Amino acid sequence: MPKVAQVYNFLYFCGMLELKAYKSYYEKFVKTLSRAEYLKFLRALMLLQHSDEQDIPRHYIKHITDGINELRVNYGSNELRLFFFRDGDILVILLNGFKKKSQKTPKKEIDQAIKLKKEYYENK
């Protein structure tokens, strides 16, 4: 599997939006994925990077709260989720990700994304 920095560089040069990961949460999430899951997730990130959110099919993105969205990728019976938000028009901040195991998005994951977004702006 490519190193995360290589993926960011690849995504940056291929698309219009710059993707950034806040701290190491995204990297930790990616390391839990199989190669096939990772490749499918990478394709979804590229779709996000190249498209306006309104143009992306609804099943890929779900608004959660306060500008935080959930990128949704299904691979077999696994449901992969990654929280993100935009900082202005050119930046997508990747937050915590997880494999969803229940119908509802876990409140602790949402709370963590809200905390990370707040922390991001306080440290900016």
PDB file of N, CA and C in Angstrom:
ATOM      1  N   MET A   1       0.844  -1.170   0.000  1.00  0.00           N
ATOM      2  CA  MET A   1       0.000   0.000   0.000  1.00  0.00           C
ATOM      3  C   MET A   1       0.893   1.239   0.000  1.00  0.00           C
ATOM      4  N   PRO A   2       0.573   2.274  -0.816  1.00  0.00           N
ATOM      5  CA  PRO A   2       1.408   3.477  -0.841  1.00  0.00           C
ATOM      6  C   PRO A   2       1.384   4.192   0.502  1.00  0.00           C
ATOM      7  N   LYS A   3       2.434   4.930   0.754  1.00  0.00           N
ATOM      8  CA  LYS A   3       2.470   5.729   1.975  1.00  0.00           C
ATOM      9  C   LYS A   3       1.439   6.847   1.843  1.00  0.00           C
ATOM     10  N   VAL A   4       0.926   7.300   2.974  1.00  0.00           N
ATOM     11  CA  VAL A   4      -0.133   8.306   2.965  1.00  0.00           C
ATOM     12  C   VAL A   4       0.319   9.575   2.268  1.00  0.00           C
ATOM     13  N   ALA A   5       1.560  10.007   2.512  1.00  0.00           N
ATOM     14  CA  ALA A   5       2.059  11.229   1.873  1.00  0.00           C
ATOM     15  C   ALA A   5       2.032  11.087   0.353  1.00  0.00           C
ATOM     16  N   GLN A   6       2.350   9.904  -0.159  1.00  0.00           N
ATOM     17  CA  GLN A   6       2.298   9.682  -1.603  1.00  0.00           C
ATOM     18  C   GLN A   6       0.872   9.826  -2.116  1.00  0.00           C
ATOM     19  N   VAL A   7      -0.082   9.331  -1.354  1.00  0.00           N
ATOM     20  CA  VAL A   7      -1.486   9.433  -1.754  1.00  0.00           C
ATOM     21  C   VAL A   7      -1.906  10.885  -1.809  1.00  0.00           C
ATOM     22  N   TYR A   8      -1.526  11.682  -0.803  1.00  0.00           N
ATOM     23  CA  TYR A   8      -1.896  13.089  -0.807  1.00  0.00           C
ATOM     24  C   TYR A   8      -1.329  13.786  -2.030  1.00  0.00           C
ATOM     25  N   ASN A   9      -0.050  13.526  -2.312  1.00  0.00           N
ATOM     26  CA  ASN A   9       0.565  14.146  -3.480  1.00  0.00           C
ATOM     27  C   ASN A   9      -0.156  13.724  -4.748  1.00  0.00           C
ATOM     28  N   PHE A  10      -0.478  12.452  -4.868  1.00  0.00           N
ATOM     29  CA  PHE A  10      -1.192  11.949  -6.038  1.00  0.00           C
ATOM     30  C   PHE A  10      -2.537  12.654  -6.162  1.00  0.00           C
ATOM     31  N   LEU A  11      -3.274  12.726  -5.079  1.00  0.00           N
ATOM     32  CA  LEU A  11      -4.595  13.351  -5.115  1.00  0.00           C
ATOM     33  C   LEU A  11      -4.499  14.841  -5.423  1.00  0.00           C
ATOM     34  N   TYR A  12      -3.497  15.501  -4.867  1.00  0.00           N
ATOM     35  CA  TYR A  12      -3.350  16.930  -5.078  1.00  0.00           C
ATOM     36  C   TYR A  12      -3.083  17.237  -6.547  1.00  0.00           C
ATOM     37  N   PHE A  13      -2.193  16.497  -7.163  1.00  0.00           N
ATOM     38  CA  PHE A  13      -1.838  16.785  -8.539  1.00  0.00           C
ATOM     39  C   PHE A  13      -2.887  16.322  -9.539  1.00  0.00           C
ATOM     40  N   CYS A  14      -3.733  15.389  -9.158  1.00  0.00           N
ATOM     41  CA  CYS A  14      -4.757  14.893 -10.069  1.00  0.00           C
ATOM     42  C   CYS A  14      -6.015  15.742 -10.069  1.00  0.00           C
ATOM     43  N   GLY A  15      -6.222  16.528  -9.061  1.00  0.00           N
ATOM     44  CA  GLY A  15      -7.536  17.137  -8.943  1.00  0.00           C
ATOM     45  C   GLY A  15      -7.522  18.612  -8.673  1.00  0.00           C
ATOM     46  N   MET A  16      -8.702  19.084  -8.325  1.00  0.00           N
ATOM     47  CA  MET A  16      -8.900  20.500  -8.122  1.00  0.00           C
ATOM     48  C   MET A  16      -8.832  20.902  -6.659  1.00  0.00           C
ATOM     49  N   LEU A  17      -9.378  20.111  -5.781  1.00  0.00           N
ATOM     50  CA  LEU A  17      -9.339  20.435  -4.360  1.00  0.00           C
ATOM     51  C   LEU A  17      -8.090  19.854  -3.719  1.00  0.00           C
ATOM     52  N   GLU A  18      -7.519  20.615  -2.822  1.00  0.00           N
ATOM     53  CA  GLU A  18      -6.397  20.090  -2.054  1.00  0.00           C
ATOM     54  C   GLU A  18      -6.962  19.322  -0.870  1.00  0.00           C
ATOM     55  N   LEU A  19      -6.489  18.121  -0.671  1.00  0.00           N
ATOM     56  CA  LEU A  19      -6.933  17.309   0.452  1.00  0.00           C
ATOM     57  C   LEU A  19      -5.879  17.364   1.551  1.00  0.00           C
ATOM     58  N   LYS A  20      -6.332  17.572   2.762  1.00  0.00           N
ATOM     59  CA  LYS A  20      -5.428  17.593   3.911  1.00  0.00           C
ATOM     60  C   LYS A  20      -6.010  16.700   4.982  1.00  0.00           C
ATOM     61  N   ALA A  21      -5.149  16.043   5.706  1.00  0.00           N
ATOM     62  CA  ALA A  21      -5.572  15.237   6.844  1.00  0.00           C
ATOM     63  C   ALA A  21      -5.187  15.980   8.108  1.00  0.00           C
ATOM     64  N   TYR A  22      -6.099  16.040   9.042  1.00  0.00           N
ATOM     65  CA  TYR A  22      -5.805  16.685  10.320  1.00  0.00           C
ATOM     66  C   TYR A  22      -5.172  15.666  11.256  1.00  0.00           C
ATOM     67  N   LYS A  23      -3.974  15.980  11.712  1.00  0.00           N
ATOM     68  CA  LYS A  23      -3.187  15.098  12.570  1.00  0.00           C
ATOM     69  C   LYS A  23      -3.044  13.721  11.915  1.00  0.00           C
ATOM     70  N   SER A  24      -3.089  12.637  12.685  1.00  0.00           N
ATOM     71  CA  SER A  24      -2.829  11.305  12.111  1.00  0.00           C
ATOM     72  C   SER A  24      -4.066  10.417  12.071  1.00  0.00           C
ATOM     73  N   TYR A  25      -5.245  10.991  12.283  1.00  0.00           N
ATOM     74  CA  TYR A  25      -6.465  10.173  12.349  1.00  0.00           C
ATOM     75  C   TYR A  25      -6.751   9.465  11.030  1.00  0.00           C
ATOM     76  N   TYR A  26      -6.578  10.176   9.930  1.00  0.00           N
ATOM     77  CA  TYR A  26      -6.840   9.567   8.622  1.00  0.00           C
ATOM     78  C   TYR A  26      -5.846   8.434   8.353  1.00  0.00           C
ATOM     79  N   GLU A  27      -4.590   8.677   8.650  1.00  0.00           N
ATOM     80  CA  GLU A  27      -3.562   7.659   8.416  1.00  0.00           C
ATOM     81  C   GLU A  27      -3.841   6.389   9.229  1.00  0.00           C
ATOM     82  N   LYS A  28      -4.253   6.557  10.472  1.00  0.00           N
ATOM     83  CA  LYS A  28      -4.591   5.402  11.304  1.00  0.00           C
ATOM     84  C   LYS A  28      -5.765   4.630  10.709  1.00  0.00           C
ATOM     85  N   PHE A  29      -6.748   5.353  10.199  1.00  0.00           N
ATOM     86  CA  PHE A  29      -7.909   4.713   9.589  1.00  0.00           C
ATOM     87  C   PHE A  29      -7.511   3.923   8.343  1.00  0.00           C
ATOM     88  N   VAL A  30      -6.727   4.529   7.483  1.00  0.00           N
ATOM     89  CA  VAL A  30      -6.315   3.885   6.230  1.00  0.00           C
ATOM     90  C   VAL A  30      -5.540   2.598   6.508  1.00  0.00           C
ATOM     91  N   LYS A  31      -4.760   2.581   7.567  1.00  0.00           N
ATOM     92  CA  LYS A  31      -3.979   1.393   7.901  1.00  0.00           C
ATOM     93  C   LYS A  31      -4.849   0.210   8.307  1.00  0.00           C
ATOM     94  N   THR A  32      -6.105   0.450   8.671  1.00  0.00           N
ATOM     95  CA  THR A  32      -7.011  -0.642   9.049  1.00  0.00           C
ATOM     96  C   THR A  32      -7.691  -1.280   7.838  1.00  0.00           C
ATOM     97  N   LEU A  33      -7.523  -0.678   6.662  1.00  0.00           N
ATOM     98  CA  LEU A  33      -8.221  -1.154   5.468  1.00  0.00           C
ATOM     99  C   LEU A  33      -7.405  -2.199   4.715  1.00  0.00           C
ATOM    100  N   SER A  34      -8.105  -3.122   4.079  1.00  0.00           N
ATOM    101  CA  SER A  34      -7.437  -4.048   3.168  1.00  0.00           C
ATOM    102  C   SER A  34      -7.044  -3.264   1.911  1.00  0.00           C
ATOM    103  N   ARG A  35      -6.227  -3.845   1.096  1.00  0.00           N
ATOM    104  CA  ARG A  35      -5.807  -3.167  -0.144  1.00  0.00           C
ATOM    105  C   ARG A  35      -7.014  -2.834  -1.024  1.00  0.00           C
ATOM    106  N   ALA A  36      -7.935  -3.771  -1.176  1.00  0.00           N
ATOM    107  CA  ALA A  36      -9.119  -3.541  -2.018  1.00  0.00           C
ATOM    108  C   ALA A  36     -10.012  -2.446  -1.425  1.00  0.00           C
ATOM    109  N   GLU A  37     -10.184  -2.456  -0.106  1.00  0.00           N
ATOM    110  CA  GLU A  37     -10.972  -1.404   0.540  1.00  0.00           C
ATOM    111  C   GLU A  37     -10.305  -0.052   0.335  1.00  0.00           C
ATOM    112  N   TYR A  38      -8.989  -0.046   0.510  1.00  0.00           N
ATOM    113  CA  TYR A  38      -8.228   1.193   0.347  1.00  0.00           C
ATOM    114  C   TYR A  38      -8.378   1.761  -1.068  1.00  0.00           C
ATOM    115  N   LEU A  39      -8.279   0.920  -2.072  1.00  0.00           N
ATOM    116  CA  LEU A  39      -8.396   1.392  -3.455  1.00  0.00           C
ATOM    117  C   LEU A  39      -9.782   1.937  -3.742  1.00  0.00           C
ATOM    118  N   LYS A  40     -10.806   1.287  -3.237  1.00  0.00           N
ATOM    119  CA  LYS A  40     -12.168   1.791  -3.439  1.00  0.00           C
ATOM    120  C   LYS A  40     -12.342   3.114  -2.700  1.00  0.00           C
ATOM    121  N   PHE A  41     -11.801   3.214  -1.511  1.00  0.00           N
ATOM    122  CA  PHE A  41     -11.883   4.451  -0.745  1.00  0.00           C
ATOM    123  C   PHE A  41     -11.140   5.573  -1.459  1.00  0.00           C
ATOM    124  N   LEU A  42      -9.993   5.254  -2.040  1.00  0.00           N
ATOM    125  CA  LEU A  42      -9.215   6.238  -2.787  1.00  0.00           C
ATOM    126  C   LEU A  42     -10.005   6.770  -3.978  1.00  0.00           C
ATOM    127  N   ARG A  43     -10.725   5.883  -4.662  1.00  0.00           N
ATOM    128  CA  ARG A  43     -11.567   6.332  -5.783  1.00  0.00           C
ATOM    129  C   ARG A  43     -12.646   7.305  -5.299  1.00  0.00           C
ATOM    130  N   ALA A  44     -13.227   7.045  -4.144  1.00  0.00           N
ATOM    131  CA  ALA A  44     -14.243   7.948  -3.598  1.00  0.00           C
ATOM    132  C   ALA A  44     -13.625   9.307  -3.246  1.00  0.00           C
ATOM    133  N   LEU A  45     -12.410   9.304  -2.697  1.00  0.00           N
ATOM    134  CA  LEU A  45     -11.731  10.570  -2.397  1.00  0.00           C
ATOM    135  C   LEU A  45     -11.447  11.355  -3.673  1.00  0.00           C
ATOM    136  N   MET A  46     -11.075  10.655  -4.719  1.00  0.00           N
ATOM    137  CA  MET A  46     -10.823  11.331  -5.992  1.00  0.00           C
ATOM    138  C   MET A  46     -12.118  11.927  -6.550  1.00  0.00           C
ATOM    139  N   LEU A  47     -13.230  11.225  -6.398  1.00  0.00           N
ATOM    140  CA  LEU A  47     -14.525  11.750  -6.821  1.00  0.00           C
ATOM    141  C   LEU A  47     -14.843  13.020  -6.032  1.00  0.00           C
ATOM    142  N   LEU A  48     -14.610  12.987  -4.744  1.00  0.00           N
ATOM    143  CA  LEU A  48     -14.828  14.156  -3.895  1.00  0.00           C
ATOM    144  C   LEU A  48     -13.934  15.309  -4.329  1.00  0.00           C
ATOM    145  N   GLN A  49     -12.709  14.997  -4.655  1.00  0.00           N
ATOM    146  CA  GLN A  49     -11.749  16.028  -5.029  1.00  0.00           C
ATOM    147  C   GLN A  49     -12.091  16.687  -6.365  1.00  0.00           C
ATOM    148  N   HIS A  50     -12.605  15.927  -7.294  1.00  0.00           N
ATOM    149  CA  HIS A  50     -12.868  16.425  -8.641  1.00  0.00           C
ATOM    150  C   HIS A  50     -14.250  17.016  -8.823  1.00  0.00           C
ATOM    151  N   SER A  51     -15.157  16.822  -7.877  1.00  0.00           N
ATOM    152  CA  SER A  51     -16.546  17.205  -8.064  1.00  0.00           C
ATOM    153  C   SER A  51     -17.005  18.176  -7.004  1.00  0.00           C
ATOM    154  N   ASP A  52     -18.020  18.923  -7.367  1.00  0.00           N
ATOM    155  CA  ASP A  52     -18.712  19.722  -6.376  1.00  0.00           C
ATOM    156  C   ASP A  52     -19.568  18.763  -5.564  1.00  0.00           C
ATOM    157  N   GLU A  53     -19.668  18.971  -4.272  1.00  0.00           N
ATOM    158  CA  GLU A  53     -20.402  18.026  -3.429  1.00  0.00           C
ATOM    159  C   GLU A  53     -21.830  17.799  -3.904  1.00  0.00           C
ATOM    160  N   GLN A  54     -22.445  18.825  -4.495  1.00  0.00           N
ATOM    161  CA  GLN A  54     -23.817  18.674  -4.971  1.00  0.00           C
ATOM    162  C   GLN A  54     -23.899  17.732  -6.179  1.00  0.00           C
ATOM    163  N   ASP A  55     -22.803  17.536  -6.882  1.00  0.00           N
ATOM    164  CA  ASP A  55     -22.782  16.678  -8.071  1.00  0.00           C
ATOM    165  C   ASP A  55     -22.500  15.211  -7.736  1.00  0.00           C
ATOM    166  N   ILE A  56     -22.085  14.940  -6.520  1.00  0.00           N
ATOM    167  CA  ILE A  56     -21.744  13.575  -6.118  1.00  0.00           C
ATOM    168  C   ILE A  56     -23.035  12.864  -5.701  1.00  0.00           C
ATOM    169  N   PRO A  57     -23.240  11.630  -6.144  1.00  0.00           N
ATOM    170  CA  PRO A  57     -24.457  10.906  -5.741  1.00  0.00           C
ATOM    171  C   PRO A  57     -24.645  10.903  -4.227  1.00  0.00           C
ATOM    172  N   ARG A  58     -25.890  11.046  -3.804  1.00  0.00           N
ATOM    173  CA  ARG A  58     -26.230  11.158  -2.381  1.00  0.00           C
ATOM    174  C   ARG A  58     -25.689  10.040  -1.511  1.00  0.00           C
ATOM    175  N   HIS A  59     -25.594   8.842  -2.028  1.00  0.00           N
ATOM    176  CA  HIS A  59     -25.151   7.733  -1.181  1.00  0.00           C
ATOM    177  C   HIS A  59     -23.663   7.819  -0.821  1.00  0.00           C
ATOM    178  N   TYR A  60     -22.906   8.722  -1.433  1.00  0.00           N
ATOM    179  CA  TYR A  60     -21.486   8.883  -1.099  1.00  0.00           C
ATOM    180  C   TYR A  60     -21.245   9.881   0.023  1.00  0.00           C
ATOM    181  N   ILE A  61     -22.109  10.893   0.139  1.00  0.00           N
ATOM    182  CA  ILE A  61     -21.884  11.950   1.127  1.00  0.00           C
ATOM    183  C   ILE A  61     -23.155  12.186   1.921  1.00  0.00           C
ATOM    184  N   LYS A  62     -22.983  12.289   3.226  1.00  0.00           N
ATOM    185  CA  LYS A  62     -24.111  12.592   4.099  1.00  0.00           C
ATOM    186  C   LYS A  62     -23.693  13.747   5.010  1.00  0.00           C
ATOM    187  N   HIS A  63     -24.536  14.779   5.067  1.00  0.00           N
ATOM    188  CA  HIS A  63     -24.277  15.884   5.989  1.00  0.00           C
ATOM    189  C   HIS A  63     -24.566  15.399   7.402  1.00  0.00           C
ATOM    190  N   ILE A  64     -23.630  15.635   8.314  1.00  0.00           N
ATOM    191  CA  ILE A  64     -23.792  15.189   9.696  1.00  0.00           C
ATOM    192  C   ILE A  64     -24.237  16.359  10.577  1.00  0.00           C
ATOM    193  N   THR A  65     -23.394  17.361  10.719  1.00  0.00           N
ATOM    194  CA  THR A  65     -23.720  18.520  11.548  1.00  0.00           C
ATOM    195  C   THR A  65     -22.661  19.596  11.371  1.00  0.00           C
ATOM    196  N   ASP A  66     -23.062  20.852  11.528  1.00  0.00           N
ATOM    197  CA  ASP A  66     -22.111  21.963  11.627  1.00  0.00           C
ATOM    198  C   ASP A  66     -21.017  21.943  10.555  1.00  0.00           C
ATOM    199  N   GLY A  67     -21.381  21.693   9.306  1.00  0.00           N
ATOM    200  CA  GLY A  67     -20.409  21.676   8.218  1.00  0.00           C
ATOM    201  C   GLY A  67     -19.599  20.400   8.107  1.00  0.00           C
ATOM    202  N   ILE A  68     -19.830  19.461   8.978  1.00  0.00           N
ATOM    203  CA  ILE A  68     -19.121  18.172   8.920  1.00  0.00           C
ATOM    204  C   ILE A  68     -19.939  17.209   8.081  1.00  0.00           C
ATOM    205  N   ASN A  69     -19.264  16.564   7.147  1.00  0.00           N
ATOM    206  CA  ASN A  69     -19.893  15.585   6.271  1.00  0.00           C
ATOM    207  C   ASN A  69     -19.230  14.233   6.462  1.00  0.00           C
ATOM    208  N   GLU A  70     -19.931  13.222   5.988  1.00  0.00           N
ATOM    209  CA  GLU A  70     -19.441  11.852   6.089  1.00  0.00           C
ATOM    210  C   GLU A  70     -19.283  11.313   4.666  1.00  0.00           C
ATOM    211  N   LEU A  71     -18.077  10.908   4.305  1.00  0.00           N
ATOM    212  CA  LEU A  71     -17.839  10.220   3.039  1.00  0.00           C
ATOM    213  C   LEU A  71     -18.139   8.754   3.286  1.00  0.00           C
ATOM    214  N   ARG A  72     -19.018   8.185   2.448  1.00  0.00           N
ATOM    215  CA  ARG A  72     -19.520   6.832   2.690  1.00  0.00           C
ATOM    216  C   ARG A  72     -19.114   5.914   1.545  1.00  0.00           C
ATOM    217  N   VAL A  73     -18.421   4.848   1.893  1.00  0.00           N
ATOM    218  CA  VAL A  73     -17.976   3.875   0.895  1.00  0.00           C
ATOM    219  C   VAL A  73     -18.348   2.484   1.387  1.00  0.00           C
ATOM    220  N   ASN A  74     -18.982   1.715   0.535  1.00  0.00           N
ATOM    221  CA  ASN A  74     -19.314   0.328   0.860  1.00  0.00           C
ATOM    222  C   ASN A  74     -18.400  -0.589   0.076  1.00  0.00           C
ATOM    223  N   TYR A  75     -17.880  -1.574   0.756  1.00  0.00           N
ATOM    224  CA  TYR A  75     -17.070  -2.593   0.100  1.00  0.00           C
ATOM    225  C   TYR A  75     -17.510  -3.946   0.640  1.00  0.00           C
ATOM    226  N   GLY A  76     -18.213  -4.707  -0.166  1.00  0.00           N
ATOM    227  CA  GLY A  76     -18.772  -5.965   0.301  1.00  0.00           C
ATOM    228  C   GLY A  76     -19.731  -5.681   1.435  1.00  0.00           C
ATOM    229  N   SER A  77     -19.528  -6.328   2.558  1.00  0.00           N
ATOM    230  CA  SER A  77     -20.396  -6.078   3.712  1.00  0.00           C
ATOM    231  C   SER A  77     -19.827  -5.000   4.636  1.00  0.00           C
ATOM    232  N   ASN A  78     -18.678  -4.445   4.284  1.00  0.00           N
ATOM    233  CA  ASN A  78     -18.062  -3.400   5.109  1.00  0.00           C
ATOM    234  C   ASN A  78     -18.536  -2.020   4.680  1.00  0.00           C
ATOM    235  N   GLU A  79     -18.879  -1.221   5.663  1.00  0.00           N
ATOM    236  CA  GLU A  79     -19.253   0.166   5.425  1.00  0.00           C
ATOM    237  C   GLU A  79     -18.157   1.045   6.014  1.00  0.00           C
ATOM    238  N   LEU A  80     -17.482   1.781   5.146  1.00  0.00           N
ATOM    239  CA  LEU A  80     -16.364   2.625   5.551  1.00  0.00           C
ATOM    240  C   LEU A  80     -16.832   4.070   5.583  1.00  0.00           C
ATOM    241  N   ARG A  81     -16.456   4.777   6.629  1.00  0.00           N
ATOM    242  CA  ARG A  81     -16.895   6.160   6.805  1.00  0.00           C
ATOM    243  C   ARG A  81     -15.710   7.039   7.172  1.00  0.00           C
ATOM    244  N   LEU A  82     -15.732   8.265   6.641  1.00  0.00           N
ATOM    245  CA  LEU A  82     -14.696   9.247   6.946  1.00  0.00           C
ATOM    246  C   LEU A  82     -15.354  10.610   7.064  1.00  0.00           C
ATOM    247  N   PHE A  83     -15.121  11.295   8.166  1.00  0.00           N
ATOM    248  CA  PHE A  83     -15.649  12.639   8.345  1.00  0.00           C
ATOM    249  C   PHE A  83     -14.708  13.652   7.707  1.00  0.00           C
ATOM    250  N   PHE A  84     -15.299  14.708   7.131  1.00  0.00           N
ATOM    251  CA  PHE A  84     -14.507  15.761   6.520  1.00  0.00           C
ATOM    252  C   PHE A  84     -15.278  17.071   6.558  1.00  0.00           C
ATOM    253  N   PHE A  85     -14.553  18.164   6.351  1.00  0.00           N
ATOM    254  CA  PHE A  85     -15.171  19.478   6.182  1.00  0.00           C
ATOM    255  C   PHE A  85     -14.276  20.318   5.294  1.00  0.00           C
ATOM    256  N   ARG A  86     -14.847  21.360   4.754  1.00  0.00           N
ATOM    257  CA  ARG A  86     -14.076  22.284   3.922  1.00  0.00           C
ATOM    258  C   ARG A  86     -13.633  23.477   4.740  1.00  0.00           C
ATOM    259  N   ASP A  87     -12.446  23.932   4.442  1.00  0.00           N
ATOM    260  CA  ASP A  87     -11.926  25.164   5.023  1.00  0.00           C
ATOM    261  C   ASP A  87     -11.783  26.128   3.861  1.00  0.00           C
ATOM    262  N   GLY A  88     -12.792  26.916   3.619  1.00  0.00           N
ATOM    263  CA  GLY A  88     -12.811  27.781   2.446  1.00  0.00           C
ATOM    264  C   GLY A  88     -13.183  26.973   1.223  1.00  0.00           C
ATOM    265  N   ASP A  89     -12.786  27.456   0.065  1.00  0.00           N
ATOM    266  CA  ASP A  89     -13.172  26.800  -1.191  1.00  0.00           C
ATOM    267  C   ASP A  89     -12.181  25.752  -1.667  1.00  0.00           C
ATOM    268  N   ILE A  90     -10.997  25.711  -1.103  1.00  0.00           N
ATOM    269  CA  ILE A  90      -9.984  24.844  -1.702  1.00  0.00           C
ATOM    270  C   ILE A  90      -9.479  23.713  -0.812  1.00  0.00           C
ATOM    271  N   LEU A  91      -9.997  23.596   0.387  1.00  0.00           N
ATOM    272  CA  LEU A  91      -9.372  22.655   1.307  1.00  0.00           C
ATOM    273  C   LEU A  91     -10.400  21.699   1.887  1.00  0.00           C
ATOM    274  N   VAL A  92     -10.108  20.435   1.824  1.00  0.00           N
ATOM    275  CA  VAL A  92     -10.944  19.441   2.487  1.00  0.00           C
ATOM    276  C   VAL A  92     -10.101  18.838   3.598  1.00  0.00           C
ATOM    277  N   ILE A  93     -10.591  18.923   4.809  1.00  0.00           N
ATOM    278  CA  ILE A  93      -9.868  18.405   5.955  1.00  0.00           C
ATOM    279  C   ILE A  93     -10.420  17.023   6.274  1.00  0.00           C
ATOM    280  N   LEU A  94      -9.579  16.023   6.231  1.00  0.00           N
ATOM    281  CA  LEU A  94      -9.989  14.660   6.531  1.00  0.00           C
ATOM    282  C   LEU A  94      -9.809  14.417   8.024  1.00  0.00           C
ATOM    283  N   LEU A  95     -10.863  13.963   8.648  1.00  0.00           N
ATOM    284  CA  LEU A  95     -10.835  13.730  10.093  1.00  0.00           C
ATOM    285  C   LEU A  95     -10.799  12.245  10.383  1.00  0.00           C
ATOM    286  N   ASN A  96     -11.504  11.834  11.410  1.00  0.00           N
ATOM    287  CA  ASN A  96     -11.517  10.436  11.817  1.00  0.00           C
ATOM    288  C   ASN A  96     -12.354   9.587  10.866  1.00  0.00           C
ATOM    289  N   GLY A  97     -11.932   8.354  10.688  1.00  0.00           N
ATOM    290  CA  GLY A  97     -12.658   7.390   9.875  1.00  0.00           C
ATOM    291  C   GLY A  97     -12.886   6.123  10.681  1.00  0.00           C
ATOM    292  N   PHE A  98     -13.830   5.312  10.225  1.00  0.00           N
ATOM    293  CA  PHE A  98     -14.137   4.081  10.943  1.00  0.00           C
ATOM    294  C   PHE A  98     -14.903   3.131  10.038  1.00  0.00           C
ATOM    295  N   LYS A  99     -14.942   1.867  10.458  1.00  0.00           N
ATOM    296  CA  LYS A  99     -15.775   0.865   9.798  1.00  0.00           C
ATOM    297  C   LYS A  99     -17.074   0.806  10.579  1.00  0.00           C
ATOM    298  N   LYS A 100     -18.150   1.069   9.903  1.00  0.00           N
ATOM    299  CA  LYS A 100     -19.456   1.131  10.554  1.00  0.00           C
ATOM    300  C   LYS A 100     -19.990  -0.271  10.781  1.00  0.00           C
ATOM    301  N   LYS A 101     -20.472  -0.526  11.997  1.00  0.00           N
ATOM    302  CA  LYS A 101     -20.940  -1.866  12.338  1.00  0.00           C
ATOM    303  C   LYS A 101     -22.403  -1.891  12.744  1.00  0.00           C
ATOM    304  N   SER A 102     -23.064  -0.739  12.747  1.00  0.00           N
ATOM    305  CA  SER A 102     -24.476  -0.697  13.121  1.00  0.00           C
ATOM    306  C   SER A 102     -25.223   0.221  12.157  1.00  0.00           C
ATOM    307  N   GLN A 103     -26.539   0.258  12.277  1.00  0.00           N
ATOM    308  CA  GLN A 103     -27.367   1.076  11.392  1.00  0.00           C
ATOM    309  C   GLN A 103     -27.042   2.554  11.541  1.00  0.00           C
ATOM    310  N   LYS A 104     -26.845   2.985  12.766  1.00  0.00           N
ATOM    311  CA  LYS A 104     -26.677   4.396  13.061  1.00  0.00           C
ATOM    312  C   LYS A 104     -25.195   4.729  13.242  1.00  0.00           C
ATOM    313  N   THR A 105     -24.812   5.916  12.768  1.00  0.00           N
ATOM    314  CA  THR A 105     -23.441   6.368  12.978  1.00  0.00           C
ATOM    315  C   THR A 105     -23.216   6.571  14.478  1.00  0.00           C
ATOM    316  N   PRO A 106     -22.168   5.960  15.037  1.00  0.00           N
ATOM    317  CA  PRO A 106     -21.927   6.071  16.485  1.00  0.00           C
ATOM    318  C   PRO A 106     -21.739   7.519  16.937  1.00  0.00           C
ATOM    319  N   LYS A 107     -22.422   7.888  18.001  1.00  0.00           N
ATOM    320  CA  LYS A 107     -22.351   9.252  18.531  1.00  0.00           C
ATOM    321  C   LYS A 107     -20.927   9.616  18.918  1.00  0.00           C
ATOM    322  N   LYS A 108     -20.167   8.651  19.437  1.00  0.00           N
ATOM    323  CA  LYS A 108     -18.785   8.974  19.846  1.00  0.00           C
ATOM    324  C   LYS A 108     -17.935   9.371  18.644  1.00  0.00           C
ATOM    325  N   GLU A 109     -18.197   8.791  17.471  1.00  0.00           N
ATOM    326  CA  GLU A 109     -17.452   9.158  16.257  1.00  0.00           C
ATOM    327  C   GLU A 109     -17.825  10.572  15.800  1.00  0.00           C
ATOM    328  N   ILE A 110     -19.108  10.894  15.871  1.00  0.00           N
ATOM    329  CA  ILE A 110     -19.566  12.243  15.514  1.00  0.00           C
ATOM    330  C   ILE A 110     -18.981  13.265  16.481  1.00  0.00           C
ATOM    331  N   ASP A 111     -19.042  12.964  17.769  1.00  0.00           N
ATOM    332  CA  ASP A 111     -18.492  13.869  18.786  1.00  0.00           C
ATOM    333  C   ASP A 111     -17.000  14.097  18.566  1.00  0.00           C
ATOM    334  N   GLN A 112     -16.287  13.046  18.187  1.00  0.00           N
ATOM    335  CA  GLN A 112     -14.849  13.194  17.932  1.00  0.00           C
ATOM    336  C   GLN A 112     -14.611  14.109  16.722  1.00  0.00           C
ATOM    337  N   ALA A 113     -15.406  13.960  15.671  1.00  0.00           N
ATOM    338  CA  ALA A 113     -15.258  14.812  14.487  1.00  0.00           C
ATOM    339  C   ALA A 113     -15.532  16.273  14.834  1.00  0.00           C
ATOM    340  N   ILE A 114     -16.551  16.528  15.635  1.00  0.00           N
ATOM    341  CA  ILE A 114     -16.861  17.900  16.058  1.00  0.00           C
ATOM    342  C   ILE A 114     -15.693  18.469  16.861  1.00  0.00           C
ATOM    343  N   LYS A 115     -15.162  17.672  17.772  1.00  0.00           N
ATOM    344  CA  LYS A 115     -14.022  18.095  18.599  1.00  0.00           C
ATOM    345  C   LYS A 115     -12.806  18.398  17.727  1.00  0.00           C
ATOM    346  N   LEU A 116     -12.533  17.545  16.753  1.00  0.00           N
ATOM    347  CA  LEU A 116     -11.367  17.743  15.887  1.00  0.00           C
ATOM    348  C   LEU A 116     -11.514  18.989  15.017  1.00  0.00           C
ATOM    349  N   LYS A 117     -12.720  19.243  14.520  1.00  0.00           N
ATOM    350  CA  LYS A 117     -12.947  20.447  13.714  1.00  0.00           C
ATOM    351  C   LYS A 117     -12.703  21.689  14.559  1.00  0.00           C
ATOM    352  N   LYS A 118     -13.240  21.704  15.776  1.00  0.00           N
ATOM    353  CA  LYS A 118     -13.049  22.839  16.677  1.00  0.00           C
ATOM    354  C   LYS A 118     -11.561  23.029  16.974  1.00  0.00           C
ATOM    355  N   GLU A 119     -10.879  21.936  17.271  1.00  0.00           N
ATOM    356  CA  GLU A 119      -9.446  21.970  17.561  1.00  0.00           C
ATOM    357  C   GLU A 119      -8.660  22.496  16.363  1.00  0.00           C
ATOM    358  N   TYR A 120      -9.048  22.084  15.161  1.00  0.00           N
ATOM    359  CA  TYR A 120      -8.380  22.533  13.930  1.00  0.00           C
ATOM    360  C   TYR A 120      -8.423  24.057  13.826  1.00  0.00           C
ATOM    361  N   TYR A 121      -9.614  24.633  14.017  1.00  0.00           N
ATOM    362  CA  TYR A 121      -9.749  26.076  13.893  1.00  0.00           C
ATOM    363  C   TYR A 121      -9.064  26.833  15.036  1.00  0.00           C
ATOM    364  N   GLU A 122      -9.023  26.244  16.214  1.00  0.00           N
ATOM    365  CA  GLU A 122      -8.313  26.887  17.329  1.00  0.00           C
ATOM    366  C   GLU A 122      -6.811  26.920  17.080  1.00  0.00           C
ATOM    367  N   ASN A 123      -6.277  25.936  16.390  1.00  0.00           N
ATOM    368  CA  ASN A 123      -4.829  25.847  16.138  1.00  0.00           C
ATOM    369  C   ASN A 123      -4.412  26.425  14.803  1.00  0.00           C
ATOM    370  N   LYS A 124      -5.345  26.876  14.028  1.00  0.00           N
ATOM    371  CA  LYS A 124      -5.047  27.370  12.681  1.00  0.00           C
ATOM    372  C   LYS A 124      -4.296  28.677  12.733  1.00  0.00           C
TER     373      LYS A 124
END
